[in-house]
Amino acid sequence: MTQWLYRLGARVLRLVLILGGLVFALSVLVAGLILAALLTVVSLLRGRRPTASWQAVRRARSRAASHVSASRGAPRHSGEVVDIEARELP
């Protein structure tokens, strides 16, 4: 009789933990979606085009790669610097 109660309790506990994990995962997903929507709305209200997050990741990776190559002594390729006259836009 006690073995049966132990197995039943273990299954109930496992079910509760799985359901709790699913609720937590879904709440994190919903929070991420709400945050993305809010950031998009804020950027549109400020007049800026929302950028895709993969572009920011790509920029960060390229910066990191350039710093790594510079620290290893590899020659960095720098583009030609062009001096321009700034003008104000209407």
Protein backbone atom coordinates (compact mmCIF):
# COMPACT_ATOMS: atom_id res chain seq x y z
CA MET A 1 0.00 0.00 0.00
CA THR A 2 2.76 2.47 0.83
CA GLN A 3 4.60 1.68 -2.42
CA TRP A 4 1.47 2.56 -4.38
CA LEU A 5 1.09 5.88 -2.51
CA TYR A 6 4.77 6.66 -3.08
CA ARG A 7 4.42 6.08 -6.85
CA LEU A 8 1.24 8.14 -6.98
CA GLY A 9 2.90 10.99 -5.08
CA ALA A 10 5.95 10.87 -7.34
CA ARG A 11 3.80 11.04 -10.46
CA VAL A 12 1.74 13.90 -9.09
CA LEU A 13 4.90 15.78 -8.14
CA ARG A 14 6.40 15.17 -11.59
CA LEU A 15 3.20 16.39 -13.25
CA VAL A 16 3.13 19.53 -11.08
CA LEU A 17 6.79 20.29 -11.87
CA ILE A 18 6.27 19.79 -15.61
CA LEU A 19 3.19 22.00 -15.62
CA GLY A 20 5.04 24.64 -13.59
CA GLY A 21 7.91 24.57 -16.07
CA LEU A 22 5.53 24.95 -18.99
CA VAL A 23 3.78 27.88 -17.34
CA PHE A 24 7.14 29.52 -16.63
CA ALA A 25 8.38 29.00 -20.20
CA LEU A 26 5.16 30.38 -21.67
CA SER A 27 5.26 33.40 -19.37
CA VAL A 28 8.85 34.17 -20.44
CA LEU A 29 7.80 33.83 -24.09
CA VAL A 30 4.84 36.17 -23.64
CA ALA A 31 6.99 38.67 -21.74
CA GLY A 32 9.51 38.64 -24.60
CA LEU A 33 6.81 39.20 -27.18
CA ILE A 34 5.33 42.07 -25.18
CA LEU A 35 8.77 43.64 -24.78
CA ALA A 36 9.46 43.34 -28.51
CA ALA A 37 6.11 44.93 -29.32
CA LEU A 38 6.70 47.79 -26.88
CA LEU A 39 10.18 48.47 -28.22
CA THR A 40 8.82 48.49 -31.77
CA VAL A 41 6.03 50.92 -30.87
CA VAL A 42 8.44 53.20 -28.99
CA SER A 43 10.89 53.26 -31.89
CA LEU A 44 8.09 54.03 -34.36
CA LEU A 45 6.79 56.84 -32.14
CA ARG A 46 10.26 58.32 -31.94
CA GLY A 47 10.52 58.26 -35.73
CA ARG A 48 13.16 55.58 -35.97
CA ARG A 49 12.91 52.46 -37.99
CA PRO A 50 12.99 49.34 -35.79
CA THR A 51 16.01 47.18 -36.59
CA ALA A 52 16.05 43.43 -36.62
CA SER A 53 17.95 41.96 -33.71
CA TRP A 54 20.08 39.75 -35.98
CA GLN A 55 21.61 42.89 -37.47
CA ALA A 56 22.74 44.04 -34.05
CA VAL A 57 24.15 40.60 -33.35
CA ARG A 58 26.02 40.60 -36.66
CA ARG A 59 27.49 44.05 -35.89
CA ALA A 60 28.59 42.93 -32.45
CA ARG A 61 30.22 39.81 -33.85
CA SER A 62 32.09 41.78 -36.51
CA ARG A 63 33.32 44.24 -33.88
CA ALA A 64 34.45 41.39 -31.67
CA ALA A 65 36.20 39.71 -34.60
CA SER A 66 38.03 42.92 -35.51
CA HIS A 67 39.20 43.35 -31.93
CA VAL A 68 40.40 39.76 -31.80
CA SER A 69 42.32 40.08 -35.06
CA ALA A 70 43.85 43.36 -33.86
CA SER A 71 44.95 41.81 -30.60
CA ARG A 72 46.61 38.91 -32.41
CA GLY A 73 48.73 41.24 -34.48
CA ALA A 74 46.95 40.61 -37.75
CA PRO A 75 46.80 43.65 -40.01
CA ARG A 76 43.50 45.47 -39.80
CA HIS A 77 42.01 46.60 -43.04
CA SER A 78 40.99 50.20 -42.71
CA GLY A 79 39.11 51.99 -45.42
CA GLU A 80 40.10 55.29 -46.91
CA VAL A 81 39.05 58.24 -44.78
CA VAL A 82 37.21 60.94 -46.70
CA ASP A 83 36.78 64.39 -45.21
CA ILE A 84 33.48 65.95 -46.18
CA GLU A 85 31.82 69.25 -45.49
CA ALA A 86 28.79 68.87 -43.25
CA ARG A 87 25.58 70.59 -44.27
CA GLU A 88 22.33 71.02 -42.44
CA LEU A 89 19.26 69.34 -43.86
CA PRO A 90 15.96 71.26 -44.01
